[in-house]
PDB file of N, CA and C in Angstrom:
ATOM      1  N   MET A   1       0.529  -1.153  -0.100  1.00  0.00           N
ATOM      2  CA  MET A   1      -0.026   0.567  -0.346  1.00  0.00           C
ATOM      3  C   MET A   1       1.014   1.218   0.321  1.00  0.00           C
ATOM      4  N   VAL A   2       0.445   2.351  -0.804  1.00  0.00           N
ATOM      5  CA  VAL A   2       1.465   3.691  -0.825  1.00  0.00           C
ATOM      6  C   VAL A   2       0.061   4.739  -0.607  1.00  0.00           C
ATOM      7  N   VAL A   3       0.401   5.576   0.289  1.00  0.00           N
ATOM      8  CA  VAL A   3      -0.357   6.931   0.759  1.00  0.00           C
ATOM      9  C   VAL A   3       0.044   7.962   0.293  1.00  0.00           C
ATOM     10  N   ALA A   4      -0.665   8.745  -0.037  1.00  0.00           N
ATOM     11  CA  ALA A   4       0.093   9.945  -1.341  1.00  0.00           C
ATOM     12  C   ALA A   4      -0.899  11.147  -0.648  1.00  0.00           C
ATOM     13  N   SER A   5      -0.409  12.278   0.093  1.00  0.00           N
ATOM     14  CA  SER A   5      -1.045  13.312   0.706  1.00  0.00           C
ATOM     15  C   SER A   5      -0.468  14.405  -0.865  1.00  0.00           C
ATOM     16  N   ILE A   6      -2.235  14.872  -1.342  1.00  0.00           N
ATOM     17  CA  ILE A   6      -2.243  15.513  -2.410  1.00  0.00           C
ATOM     18  C   ILE A   6      -2.828  17.158  -2.143  1.00  0.00           C
ATOM     19  N   HIS A   7      -2.849  17.360  -3.387  1.00  0.00           N
ATOM     20  CA  HIS A   7      -3.670  19.031  -3.358  1.00  0.00           C
ATOM     21  C   HIS A   7      -3.928  19.234  -5.149  1.00  0.00           C
ATOM     22  N   PHE A   8      -5.199  19.268  -5.135  1.00  0.00           N
ATOM     23  CA  PHE A   8      -5.626  18.773  -6.136  1.00  0.00           C
ATOM     24  C   PHE A   8      -6.500  20.398  -6.665  1.00  0.00           C
ATOM     25  N   ALA A   9      -6.399  20.942  -7.630  1.00  0.00           N
ATOM     26  CA  ALA A   9      -7.614  22.081  -8.094  1.00  0.00           C
ATOM     27  C   ALA A   9      -8.118  21.699  -9.229  1.00  0.00           C
ATOM     28  N   GLY A  10      -9.248  21.959 -10.041  1.00  0.00           N
ATOM     29  CA  GLY A  10      -9.897  22.165 -10.787  1.00  0.00           C
ATOM     30  C   GLY A  10     -11.192  23.720 -11.030  1.00  0.00           C
ATOM     31  N   ARG A  11     -11.506  23.469 -12.497  1.00  0.00           N
ATOM     32  CA  ARG A  11     -12.586  24.887 -12.939  1.00  0.00           C
ATOM     33  C   ARG A  11     -13.172  23.782 -13.677  1.00  0.00           C
ATOM     34  N   ARG A  12     -14.808  24.228 -13.639  1.00  0.00           N
ATOM     35  CA  ARG A  12     -15.723  23.620 -13.957  1.00  0.00           C
ATOM     36  C   ARG A  12     -16.357  24.747 -15.012  1.00  0.00           C
ATOM     37  N   GLY A  13     -16.943  25.442 -15.643  1.00  0.00           N
ATOM     38  CA  GLY A  13     -17.418  26.549 -16.325  1.00  0.00           C
ATOM     39  C   GLY A  13     -17.225  27.689 -15.345  1.00  0.00           C
ATOM     40  N   ASP A  14     -18.025  27.996 -14.070  1.00  0.00           N
ATOM     41  CA  ASP A  14     -17.558  29.277 -13.681  1.00  0.00           C
ATOM     42  C   ASP A  14     -17.148  28.501 -12.135  1.00  0.00           C
ATOM     43  N   ALA A  15     -17.274  27.482 -12.013  1.00  0.00           N
ATOM     44  CA  ALA A  15     -16.710  26.865 -10.708  1.00  0.00           C
ATOM     45  C   ALA A  15     -15.420  26.229 -10.096  1.00  0.00           C
ATOM     46  N   SER A  16     -15.099  26.321  -9.290  1.00  0.00           N
ATOM     47  CA  SER A  16     -13.824  26.431  -9.244  1.00  0.00           C
ATOM     48  C   SER A  16     -13.341  25.309  -7.639  1.00  0.00           C
ATOM     49  N   MET A  17     -12.363  24.512  -7.773  1.00  0.00           N
ATOM     50  CA  MET A  17     -12.094  23.993  -6.263  1.00  0.00           C
ATOM     51  C   MET A  17     -10.619  23.795  -6.470  1.00  0.00           C
ATOM     52  N   SER A  18     -10.251  24.048  -5.079  1.00  0.00           N
ATOM     53  CA  SER A  18      -8.850  23.858  -4.371  1.00  0.00           C
ATOM     54  C   SER A  18      -8.722  22.828  -3.273  1.00  0.00           C
ATOM     55  N   MET A  19      -8.666  21.965  -3.350  1.00  0.00           N
ATOM     56  CA  MET A  19      -8.404  21.196  -1.826  1.00  0.00           C
ATOM     57  C   MET A  19      -7.408  20.319  -1.454  1.00  0.00           C
ATOM     58  N   ASP A  20      -7.028  19.863  -0.410  1.00  0.00           N
ATOM     59  CA  ASP A  20      -6.271  18.468   0.101  1.00  0.00           C
ATOM     60  C   ASP A  20      -6.829  17.494   0.223  1.00  0.00           C
ATOM     61  N   GLY A  21      -5.990  16.312   0.131  1.00  0.00           N
ATOM     62  CA  GLY A  21      -6.872  14.987  -0.046  1.00  0.00           C
ATOM     63  C   GLY A  21      -6.282  13.643   0.219  1.00  0.00           C
ATOM     64  N   VAL A  22      -6.164  12.667   0.178  1.00  0.00           N
ATOM     65  CA  VAL A  22      -5.091  12.075   0.497  1.00  0.00           C
ATOM     66  C   VAL A  22      -6.232  10.152  -0.688  1.00  0.00           C
ATOM     67  N   ASP A  23      -4.414   9.712  -1.274  1.00  0.00           N
ATOM     68  CA  ASP A  23      -4.542   8.911  -2.151  1.00  0.00           C
ATOM     69  C   ASP A  23      -4.275   7.684  -1.621  1.00  0.00           C
ATOM     70  N   VAL A  24      -5.158   6.330  -1.882  1.00  0.00           N
ATOM     71  CA  VAL A  24      -4.243   5.216  -0.942  1.00  0.00           C
ATOM     72  C   VAL A  24      -3.823   4.315  -2.342  1.00  0.00           C
ATOM     73  N   LEU A  25      -2.804   3.734  -2.765  1.00  0.00           N
ATOM     74  CA  LEU A  25      -3.054   3.067  -3.944  1.00  0.00           C
ATOM     75  C   LEU A  25      -2.304   1.482  -2.867  1.00  0.00           C
ATOM     76  N   ARG A  26      -3.025   0.761  -3.896  1.00  0.00           N
ATOM     77  CA  ARG A  26      -2.698  -0.977  -3.681  1.00  0.00           C
ATOM     78  C   ARG A  26      -1.965  -1.491  -4.969  1.00  0.00           C
ATOM     79  N   LEU A  27      -0.651  -1.949  -4.902  1.00  0.00           N
ATOM     80  CA  LEU A  27       0.438  -2.304  -6.031  1.00  0.00           C
ATOM     81  C   LEU A  27       0.465  -3.772  -5.950  1.00  0.00           C
ATOM     82  N   LYS A  28       0.433  -4.206  -7.075  1.00  0.00           N
ATOM     83  CA  LYS A  28       0.904  -5.799  -7.185  1.00  0.00           C
ATOM     84  C   LYS A  28       1.940  -5.466  -8.920  1.00  0.00           C
ATOM     85  N   ASP A  29       3.098  -6.095  -8.161  1.00  0.00           N
ATOM     86  CA  ASP A  29       3.671  -6.317  -8.985  1.00  0.00           C
ATOM     87  C   ASP A  29       4.321  -5.437  -9.625  1.00  0.00           C
ATOM     88  N   GLY A  30       4.390  -3.914  -9.199  1.00  0.00           N
ATOM     89  CA  GLY A  30       4.704  -2.943  -9.786  1.00  0.00           C
ATOM     90  C   GLY A  30       3.552  -1.693 -10.119  1.00  0.00           C
ATOM     91  N   LYS A  31       2.449  -2.563 -10.623  1.00  0.00           N
ATOM     92  CA  LYS A  31       1.461  -1.846 -11.015  1.00  0.00           C
ATOM     93  C   LYS A  31       0.144  -1.500 -10.077  1.00  0.00           C
ATOM     94  N   ILE A  32      -0.703  -0.210 -10.420  1.00  0.00           N
ATOM     95  CA  ILE A  32      -1.935   0.115  -8.923  1.00  0.00           C
ATOM     96  C   ILE A  32      -2.629  -0.566  -9.609  1.00  0.00           C
ATOM     97  N   VAL A  33      -3.642  -1.415  -8.935  1.00  0.00           N
ATOM     98  CA  VAL A  33      -4.233  -2.725  -8.839  1.00  0.00           C
ATOM     99  C   VAL A  33      -5.881  -1.863  -8.518  1.00  0.00           C
ATOM    100  N   GLU A  34      -5.674  -1.241  -7.274  1.00  0.00           N
ATOM    101  CA  GLU A  34      -6.813  -0.571  -6.895  1.00  0.00           C
ATOM    102  C   GLU A  34      -6.328   1.033  -6.451  1.00  0.00           C
ATOM    103  N   MET A  35      -7.090   1.901  -6.407  1.00  0.00           N
ATOM    104  CA  MET A  35      -6.812   3.511  -5.755  1.00  0.00           C
ATOM    105  C   MET A  35      -8.026   3.404  -4.838  1.00  0.00           C
ATOM    106  N   TRP A  36      -8.125   4.722  -3.986  1.00  0.00           N
ATOM    107  CA  TRP A  36      -8.999   4.896  -3.136  1.00  0.00           C
ATOM    108  C   TRP A  36      -8.612   6.574  -3.070  1.00  0.00           C
ATOM    109  N   LEU A  37      -9.742   7.015  -3.313  1.00  0.00           N
ATOM    110  CA  LEU A  37      -9.123   8.827  -3.010  1.00  0.00           C
ATOM    111  C   LEU A  37      -9.969   9.286  -2.128  1.00  0.00           C
ATOM    112  N   PHE A  38      -9.769  10.155  -1.402  1.00  0.00           N
ATOM    113  CA  PHE A  38     -10.580  10.852   0.102  1.00  0.00           C
ATOM    114  C   PHE A  38     -10.309  12.243  -0.093  1.00  0.00           C
ATOM    115  N   SER A  39     -11.527  13.090  -0.504  1.00  0.00           N
ATOM    116  CA  SER A  39     -10.714  14.703  -0.279  1.00  0.00           C
ATOM    117  C   SER A  39     -10.899  15.251   1.366  1.00  0.00           C
ATOM    118  N   GLY A  40     -10.696  16.386   0.708  1.00  0.00           N
ATOM    119  CA  GLY A  40     -10.394  17.154   2.360  1.00  0.00           C
ATOM    120  C   GLY A  40     -11.588  17.647   2.670  1.00  0.00           C
ATOM    121  N   ASP A  41     -12.998  17.751   1.539  1.00  0.00           N
ATOM    122  CA  ASP A  41     -14.474  18.311   1.806  1.00  0.00           C
ATOM    123  C   ASP A  41     -15.468  17.716   0.880  1.00  0.00           C
ATOM    124  N   LEU A  42     -15.344  16.258   0.789  1.00  0.00           N
ATOM    125  CA  LEU A  42     -16.617  15.476   0.486  1.00  0.00           C
ATOM    126  C   LEU A  42     -18.004  16.498  -0.123  1.00  0.00           C
ATOM    127  N   VAL A  43     -18.278  17.306   0.275  1.00  0.00           N
ATOM    128  CA  VAL A  43     -19.498  18.182   0.584  1.00  0.00           C
ATOM    129  C   VAL A  43     -19.377  18.958  -0.990  1.00  0.00           C
ATOM    130  N   ALA A  44     -18.487  19.638  -0.597  1.00  0.00           N
ATOM    131  CA  ALA A  44     -17.641  20.713  -1.314  1.00  0.00           C
ATOM    132  C   ALA A  44     -17.652  20.192  -2.933  1.00  0.00           C
ATOM    133  N   GLU A  45     -17.064  19.043  -3.076  1.00  0.00           N
ATOM    134  CA  GLU A  45     -16.684  18.516  -3.847  1.00  0.00           C
ATOM    135  C   GLU A  45     -17.683  17.651  -5.219  1.00  0.00           C
ATOM    136  N   ASP A  46     -18.580  17.166  -4.020  1.00  0.00           N
ATOM    137  CA  ASP A  46     -19.594  16.538  -4.644  1.00  0.00           C
ATOM    138  C   ASP A  46     -20.765  17.842  -5.148  1.00  0.00           C
ATOM    139  N   ALA A  47     -20.404  19.061  -4.926  1.00  0.00           N
ATOM    140  CA  ALA A  47     -21.178  20.036  -5.126  1.00  0.00           C
ATOM    141  C   ALA A  47     -20.493  20.688  -6.468  1.00  0.00           C
ATOM    142  N   PHE A  48     -19.571  20.604  -6.438  1.00  0.00           N
ATOM    143  CA  PHE A  48     -18.705  20.684  -7.693  1.00  0.00           C
ATOM    144  C   PHE A  48     -18.842  19.907  -8.886  1.00  0.00           C
ATOM    145  N   TRP A  49     -18.734  18.979  -8.573  1.00  0.00           N
ATOM    146  CA  TRP A  49     -19.273  17.744  -9.667  1.00  0.00           C
ATOM    147  C   TRP A  49     -20.816  18.161 -10.055  1.00  0.00           C
ATOM    148  N   GLY A  50     -21.809  18.710  -9.187  1.00  0.00           N
ATOM    149  CA  GLY A  50     -23.015  18.477  -9.249  1.00  0.00           C
ATOM    150  C   GLY A  50     -24.098  17.673  -8.965  1.00  0.00           C
ATOM    151  N   LYS A  51     -23.132  16.627  -7.512  1.00  0.00           N
ATOM    152  CA  LYS A  51     -24.069  15.596  -7.275  1.00  0.00           C
ATOM    153  C   LYS A  51     -25.039  16.406  -6.016  1.00  0.00           C
TER     154      LYS A  51
END
């Protein structure tokens, strides 16, 4: 397992977001076989994507 602290940003039309998060990756034979993404503010990210 690999854990990475990240910062990501995006724009979609007039909306924008910028936040921290954590990505967790499971590797097998040097390749990513599973990945989980955790954002710092799930409600804000869902609103950005229109969910």
